[in-house]
Amino acid sequence: MTMHQTLFPTETAFSSSTAAPLADWIRLAGQRIVTWANTCADYYAAAAMYEQLSGLSDAELHRRGLSRASLAWDISQACDRSNG
């Protein structure tokens, strides 16, 4: 056996049986990143909407079918895409 054969084996480090789980892991990681980004966007939209609506009077909120007591909850539910 030569020095070249010892340092650089000719067999591949990853077989097809290990490539499939790695591909699955990468796909799932990508899906989780997309879910995280969507959640961040939902929270940002909810915060912006709350900032606008919290400045309205109680009478104006009532005209829109909202109450100050449940404003944050109503907005978070409206902006949450995971609820369907």
C-alpha atoms as a PDB file:
ATOM      1  CA  MET A   1       0.000   0.000   0.000  1.00  0.00           C
ATOM      2  CA  THR A   2       1.381   3.364  -0.963  1.00  0.00           C
ATOM      3  CA  MET A   3       1.215   6.582   0.989  1.00  0.00           C
ATOM      4  CA  HIS A   4      -1.347   7.934  -1.494  1.00  0.00           C
ATOM      5  CA  GLN A   5      -3.697   5.014  -0.880  1.00  0.00           C
ATOM      6  CA  THR A   6      -3.496   5.473   2.883  1.00  0.00           C
ATOM      7  CA  LEU A   7      -4.233   9.209   2.892  1.00  0.00           C
ATOM      8  CA  PHE A   8      -6.893   9.221   0.187  1.00  0.00           C
ATOM      9  CA  PRO A   9      -9.104   6.145   0.304  1.00  0.00           C
ATOM     10  CA  THR A  10     -10.905   5.399  -2.930  1.00  0.00           C
ATOM     11  CA  GLU A  11     -14.195   4.500  -1.245  1.00  0.00           C
ATOM     12  CA  THR A  12     -16.626   7.359  -0.828  1.00  0.00           C
ATOM     13  CA  ALA A  13     -17.216   8.676   2.651  1.00  0.00           C
ATOM     14  CA  PHE A  14     -20.991   8.807   2.160  1.00  0.00           C
ATOM     15  CA  SER A  15     -22.931   5.938   0.758  1.00  0.00           C
ATOM     16  CA  SER A  16     -26.382   6.253  -0.753  1.00  0.00           C
ATOM     17  CA  SER A  17     -27.852   5.043   2.537  1.00  0.00           C
ATOM     18  CA  THR A  18     -26.391   8.022   4.408  1.00  0.00           C
ATOM     19  CA  ALA A  19     -27.169  10.516   1.644  1.00  0.00           C
ATOM     20  CA  ALA A  20     -30.933  10.031   1.952  1.00  0.00           C
ATOM     21  CA  PRO A  21     -31.117  10.950   5.673  1.00  0.00           C
ATOM     22  CA  LEU A  22     -28.862  13.936   5.024  1.00  0.00           C
ATOM     23  CA  ALA A  23     -31.111  15.121   2.198  1.00  0.00           C
ATOM     24  CA  ASP A  24     -34.169  14.660   4.433  1.00  0.00           C
ATOM     25  CA  TRP A  25     -32.501  16.622   7.214  1.00  0.00           C
ATOM     26  CA  ILE A  26     -31.644  19.476   4.844  1.00  0.00           C
ATOM     27  CA  ARG A  27     -35.204  19.530   3.480  1.00  0.00           C
ATOM     28  CA  LEU A  28     -36.692  19.601   6.988  1.00  0.00           C
ATOM     29  CA  ALA A  29     -34.273  22.323   8.066  1.00  0.00           C
ATOM     30  CA  GLY A  30     -35.369  24.382   5.067  1.00  0.00           C
ATOM     31  CA  GLN A  31     -39.023  23.916   5.985  1.00  0.00           C
ATOM     32  CA  ARG A  32     -38.330  24.995   9.567  1.00  0.00           C
ATOM     33  CA  ILE A  33     -36.516  28.110   8.377  1.00  0.00           C
ATOM     34  CA  VAL A  34     -39.476  29.020   6.152  1.00  0.00           C
ATOM     35  CA  THR A  35     -41.890  28.443   9.058  1.00  0.00           C
ATOM     36  CA  TRP A  36     -39.739  30.609  11.326  1.00  0.00           C
ATOM     37  CA  ALA A  37     -39.598  33.410   8.736  1.00  0.00           C
ATOM     38  CA  ASN A  38     -43.374  33.295   8.251  1.00  0.00           C
ATOM     39  CA  THR A  39     -43.900  33.437  12.026  1.00  0.00           C
ATOM     40  CA  CYS A  40     -41.607  36.464  12.284  1.00  0.00           C
ATOM     41  CA  ALA A  41     -43.539  38.167   9.489  1.00  0.00           C
ATOM     42  CA  ASP A  42     -46.848  37.407  11.246  1.00  0.00           C
ATOM     43  CA  TYR A  43     -45.620  38.893  14.539  1.00  0.00           C
ATOM     44  CA  TYR A  44     -44.264  41.965  12.774  1.00  0.00           C
ATOM     45  CA  ALA A  45     -47.587  42.513  11.003  1.00  0.00           C
ATOM     46  CA  ALA A  46     -49.485  42.044  14.267  1.00  0.00           C
ATOM     47  CA  ALA A  47     -47.256  44.567  16.055  1.00  0.00           C
ATOM     48  CA  ALA A  48     -47.735  47.139  13.298  1.00  0.00           C
ATOM     49  CA  MET A  49     -51.493  46.618  13.289  1.00  0.00           C
ATOM     50  CA  TYR A  50     -51.674  46.878  17.088  1.00  0.00           C
ATOM     51  CA  GLU A  51     -49.695  50.093  17.019  1.00  0.00           C
ATOM     52  CA  GLN A  52     -52.186  51.619  14.569  1.00  0.00           C
ATOM     53  CA  LEU A  53     -55.359  50.347  16.244  1.00  0.00           C
ATOM     54  CA  SER A  54     -54.328  51.056  19.832  1.00  0.00           C
ATOM     55  CA  GLY A  55     -54.319  54.774  19.055  1.00  0.00           C
ATOM     56  CA  LEU A  56     -58.026  54.733  18.144  1.00  0.00           C
ATOM     57  CA  SER A  57     -60.727  55.747  20.572  1.00  0.00           C
ATOM     58  CA  ASP A  58     -62.901  53.151  22.276  1.00  0.00           C
ATOM     59  CA  ALA A  59     -65.860  54.311  20.158  1.00  0.00           C
ATOM     60  CA  GLU A  60     -63.920  53.803  16.913  1.00  0.00           C
ATOM     61  CA  LEU A  61     -62.731  50.374  18.048  1.00  0.00           C
ATOM     62  CA  HIS A  62     -66.328  49.455  18.874  1.00  0.00           C
ATOM     63  CA  ARG A  63     -67.435  50.560  15.375  1.00  0.00           C
ATOM     64  CA  ARG A  64     -64.864  48.137  13.964  1.00  0.00           C
ATOM     65  CA  GLY A  65     -66.115  45.324  16.173  1.00  0.00           C
ATOM     66  CA  LEU A  66     -63.141  45.400  18.522  1.00  0.00           C
ATOM     67  CA  SER A  67     -62.685  46.085  22.205  1.00  0.00           C
ATOM     68  CA  ARG A  68     -59.617  47.488  23.902  1.00  0.00           C
ATOM     69  CA  ALA A  69     -59.634  44.608  26.405  1.00  0.00           C
ATOM     70  CA  SER A  70     -59.135  41.953  23.735  1.00  0.00           C
ATOM     71  CA  LEU A  71     -57.380  44.021  21.055  1.00  0.00           C
ATOM     72  CA  ALA A  72     -53.991  42.313  21.303  1.00  0.00           C
ATOM     73  CA  TRP A  73     -55.558  38.840  21.281  1.00  0.00           C
ATOM     74  CA  ASP A  74     -57.820  39.626  18.325  1.00  0.00           C
ATOM     75  CA  ILE A  75     -54.928  41.009  16.292  1.00  0.00           C
ATOM     76  CA  SER A  76     -52.615  38.103  17.071  1.00  0.00           C
ATOM     77  CA  GLN A  77     -55.301  35.640  15.994  1.00  0.00           C
ATOM     78  CA  ALA A  78     -55.997  37.580  12.803  1.00  0.00           C
ATOM     79  CA  CYS A  79     -52.300  37.665  11.824  1.00  0.00           C
ATOM     80  CA  ASP A  80     -51.468  34.039  12.713  1.00  0.00           C
ATOM     81  CA  ARG A  81     -51.286  31.978   9.500  1.00  0.00           C
ATOM     82  CA  SER A  82     -50.845  28.714  11.389  1.00  0.00           C
ATOM     83  CA  ASN A  83     -54.490  28.831  12.553  1.00  0.00           C
ATOM     84  CA  GLY A  84     -55.664  28.388   8.984  1.00  0.00           C
END
